[in-house]
Amino acid sequence: MGYIFIFLIGFGLAVSGGVTLIAYMNFLPAGVTWAEYLLFVKERPECYFLPIGLLLMAVSIYRYNP
């Protein structure tokens, strides 16, 4: 039961972080370069939800032994 909970938490974080990264890509048509975009994203804490969520999902999948 715990692995399902960890997986769902990770999934929610990954979706939240991914949507945030895609939303911030709207700065690119406004004239922001890719380097400036990556520097901006690096400073935003909500953008770290994607890798944290993917890590939690991977841990819950690979540690689960039925």
N, C-alpha and C. Protein backbone atom coordinates (compact mmCIF):
# COMPACT_ATOMS: atom_id res chain seq x y z
N MET A 1 0.82 -1.20 0.00
CA MET A 1 0.00 0.00 0.00
C MET A 1 0.87 1.26 0.00
N GLY A 2 2.01 1.20 0.69
CA GLY A 2 2.88 2.36 0.78
C GLY A 2 3.50 2.73 -0.55
N TYR A 3 3.81 1.71 -1.38
CA TYR A 3 4.42 2.00 -2.67
C TYR A 3 3.44 2.68 -3.61
N ILE A 4 2.19 2.34 -3.52
CA ILE A 4 1.18 3.00 -4.35
C ILE A 4 1.06 4.47 -3.95
N PHE A 5 1.09 4.73 -2.66
CA PHE A 5 1.01 6.11 -2.17
C PHE A 5 2.22 6.92 -2.64
N ILE A 6 3.41 6.34 -2.53
CA ILE A 6 4.62 7.03 -2.98
C ILE A 6 4.57 7.27 -4.49
N PHE A 7 4.08 6.27 -5.23
CA PHE A 7 3.96 6.43 -6.67
C PHE A 7 3.01 7.58 -7.02
N LEU A 8 1.87 7.65 -6.35
CA LEU A 8 0.90 8.71 -6.64
C LEU A 8 1.42 10.09 -6.25
N ILE A 9 2.15 10.17 -5.15
CA ILE A 9 2.77 11.44 -4.78
C ILE A 9 3.78 11.85 -5.85
N GLY A 10 4.61 10.91 -6.28
CA GLY A 10 5.59 11.19 -7.32
C GLY A 10 4.93 11.59 -8.63
N PHE A 11 3.84 10.93 -8.98
CA PHE A 11 3.13 11.26 -10.21
C PHE A 11 2.58 12.68 -10.15
N GLY A 12 2.00 13.04 -9.02
CA GLY A 12 1.47 14.40 -8.86
C GLY A 12 2.55 15.45 -8.95
N LEU A 13 3.69 15.18 -8.32
CA LEU A 13 4.80 16.13 -8.39
C LEU A 13 5.35 16.23 -9.81
N ALA A 14 5.46 15.11 -10.50
CA ALA A 14 5.98 15.13 -11.87
C ALA A 14 5.04 15.90 -12.80
N VAL A 15 3.76 15.72 -12.64
CA VAL A 15 2.80 16.45 -13.48
C VAL A 15 2.87 17.94 -13.18
N SER A 16 2.93 18.28 -11.91
CA SER A 16 3.01 19.69 -11.52
C SER A 16 4.27 20.35 -12.06
N GLY A 17 5.40 19.69 -11.92
CA GLY A 17 6.65 20.24 -12.44
C GLY A 17 6.68 20.32 -13.95
N GLY A 18 6.15 19.31 -14.63
CA GLY A 18 6.12 19.32 -16.08
C GLY A 18 5.24 20.41 -16.64
N VAL A 19 4.08 20.60 -16.03
CA VAL A 19 3.18 21.66 -16.47
C VAL A 19 3.81 23.03 -16.24
N THR A 20 4.52 23.17 -15.13
CA THR A 20 5.20 24.44 -14.85
C THR A 20 6.28 24.73 -15.88
N LEU A 21 7.06 23.71 -16.23
CA LEU A 21 8.10 23.91 -17.24
C LEU A 21 7.50 24.29 -18.59
N ILE A 22 6.42 23.65 -18.95
CA ILE A 22 5.77 23.96 -20.23
C ILE A 22 5.17 25.37 -20.19
N ALA A 23 4.60 25.74 -19.05
CA ALA A 23 4.02 27.08 -18.94
C ALA A 23 5.10 28.15 -19.06
N TYR A 24 6.26 27.90 -18.47
CA TYR A 24 7.34 28.88 -18.56
C TYR A 24 7.94 28.94 -19.96
N MET A 25 7.68 27.95 -20.81
CA MET A 25 8.16 28.01 -22.19
C MET A 25 7.46 29.11 -22.99
N ASN A 26 6.38 29.66 -22.44
CA ASN A 26 5.72 30.78 -23.11
C ASN A 26 6.59 32.03 -23.12
N PHE A 27 7.67 32.03 -22.34
CA PHE A 27 8.61 33.15 -22.39
C PHE A 27 9.45 33.14 -23.65
N LEU A 28 9.61 31.98 -24.26
CA LEU A 28 10.47 31.87 -25.45
C LEU A 28 9.97 32.72 -26.62
N PRO A 29 8.68 32.72 -26.95
CA PRO A 29 8.24 33.59 -28.04
C PRO A 29 8.35 35.08 -27.72
N ALA A 30 8.49 35.40 -26.43
CA ALA A 30 8.60 36.80 -26.04
C ALA A 30 10.02 37.34 -26.21
N GLY A 31 10.95 36.49 -26.67
CA GLY A 31 12.29 36.95 -26.94
C GLY A 31 13.34 36.45 -25.97
N VAL A 32 12.96 35.56 -25.07
CA VAL A 32 13.92 35.00 -24.13
C VAL A 32 14.67 33.86 -24.83
N THR A 33 15.98 33.82 -24.68
CA THR A 33 16.77 32.76 -25.30
C THR A 33 16.69 31.49 -24.46
N TRP A 34 17.15 30.37 -25.03
CA TRP A 34 17.13 29.10 -24.31
C TRP A 34 18.03 29.16 -23.09
N ALA A 35 19.15 29.84 -23.19
CA ALA A 35 20.06 29.96 -22.05
C ALA A 35 19.41 30.75 -20.91
N GLU A 36 18.74 31.84 -21.25
CA GLU A 36 18.04 32.62 -20.23
C GLU A 36 16.89 31.83 -19.63
N TYR A 37 16.21 31.05 -20.47
CA TYR A 37 15.12 30.20 -19.97
C TYR A 37 15.64 29.18 -18.96
N LEU A 38 16.74 28.51 -19.30
CA LEU A 38 17.30 27.51 -18.39
C LEU A 38 17.80 28.14 -17.10
N LEU A 39 18.38 29.32 -17.18
CA LEU A 39 18.81 30.01 -15.96
C LEU A 39 17.62 30.41 -15.10
N PHE A 40 16.54 30.82 -15.73
CA PHE A 40 15.33 31.18 -14.99
C PHE A 40 14.71 29.96 -14.32
N VAL A 41 14.64 28.86 -15.06
CA VAL A 41 14.03 27.64 -14.54
C VAL A 41 14.86 27.07 -13.39
N LYS A 42 16.17 27.23 -13.48
CA LYS A 42 17.05 26.72 -12.43
C LYS A 42 16.77 27.39 -11.08
N GLU A 43 16.29 28.62 -11.10
CA GLU A 43 16.05 29.37 -9.87
C GLU A 43 14.65 29.15 -9.30
N ARG A 44 13.76 28.53 -10.05
CA ARG A 44 12.37 28.35 -9.60
C ARG A 44 12.23 27.02 -8.86
N PRO A 45 11.83 27.02 -7.60
CA PRO A 45 11.75 25.76 -6.84
C PRO A 45 10.67 24.81 -7.35
N GLU A 46 9.60 25.33 -7.93
CA GLU A 46 8.54 24.43 -8.40
C GLU A 46 8.95 23.64 -9.63
N CYS A 47 10.00 24.05 -10.30
CA CYS A 47 10.47 23.30 -11.46
C CYS A 47 11.23 22.04 -11.06
N TYR A 48 11.65 21.96 -9.80
CA TYR A 48 12.34 20.77 -9.32
C TYR A 48 11.37 19.65 -8.96
N PHE A 49 10.07 19.91 -9.05
CA PHE A 49 9.08 18.87 -8.77
C PHE A 49 9.13 17.75 -9.80
N LEU A 50 9.46 18.08 -11.05
CA LEU A 50 9.52 17.06 -12.09
C LEU A 50 10.57 16.00 -11.80
N PRO A 51 11.84 16.35 -11.58
CA PRO A 51 12.81 15.29 -11.29
C PRO A 51 12.55 14.58 -9.97
N ILE A 52 12.06 15.30 -8.97
CA ILE A 52 11.76 14.65 -7.69
C ILE A 52 10.63 13.65 -7.87
N GLY A 53 9.60 14.03 -8.62
CA GLY A 53 8.48 13.13 -8.87
C GLY A 53 8.90 11.91 -9.67
N LEU A 54 9.73 12.11 -10.68
CA LEU A 54 10.22 10.97 -11.46
C LEU A 54 11.05 10.03 -10.60
N LEU A 55 11.85 10.59 -9.69
CA LEU A 55 12.65 9.77 -8.79
C LEU A 55 11.77 8.96 -7.84
N LEU A 56 10.75 9.59 -7.29
CA LEU A 56 9.83 8.87 -6.40
C LEU A 56 9.09 7.75 -7.14
N MET A 57 8.67 8.02 -8.35
CA MET A 57 7.99 6.99 -9.13
C MET A 57 8.93 5.84 -9.44
N ALA A 58 10.15 6.14 -9.81
CA ALA A 58 11.13 5.08 -10.12
C ALA A 58 11.43 4.24 -8.89
N VAL A 59 11.59 4.88 -7.75
CA VAL A 59 11.86 4.15 -6.51
C VAL A 59 10.69 3.24 -6.16
N SER A 60 9.48 3.75 -6.28
CA SER A 60 8.33 2.92 -5.92
C SER A 60 8.11 1.78 -6.90
N ILE A 61 8.47 1.96 -8.16
CA ILE A 61 8.31 0.87 -9.14
C ILE A 61 9.37 -0.21 -8.95
N TYR A 62 10.61 0.22 -8.78
CA TYR A 62 11.69 -0.76 -8.73
C TYR A 62 11.85 -1.42 -7.36
N ARG A 63 11.31 -0.84 -6.31
CA ARG A 63 11.39 -1.44 -4.99
C ARG A 63 10.20 -2.32 -4.66
N TYR A 64 9.15 -2.25 -5.47
CA TYR A 64 7.95 -3.04 -5.21
C TYR A 64 8.19 -4.49 -5.62
N ASN A 65 8.02 -5.41 -4.68
CA ASN A 65 8.14 -6.84 -4.94
C ASN A 65 6.87 -7.54 -4.48
N PRO A 66 6.01 -7.94 -5.41
CA PRO A 66 4.75 -8.59 -4.98
C PRO A 66 4.97 -9.97 -4.42
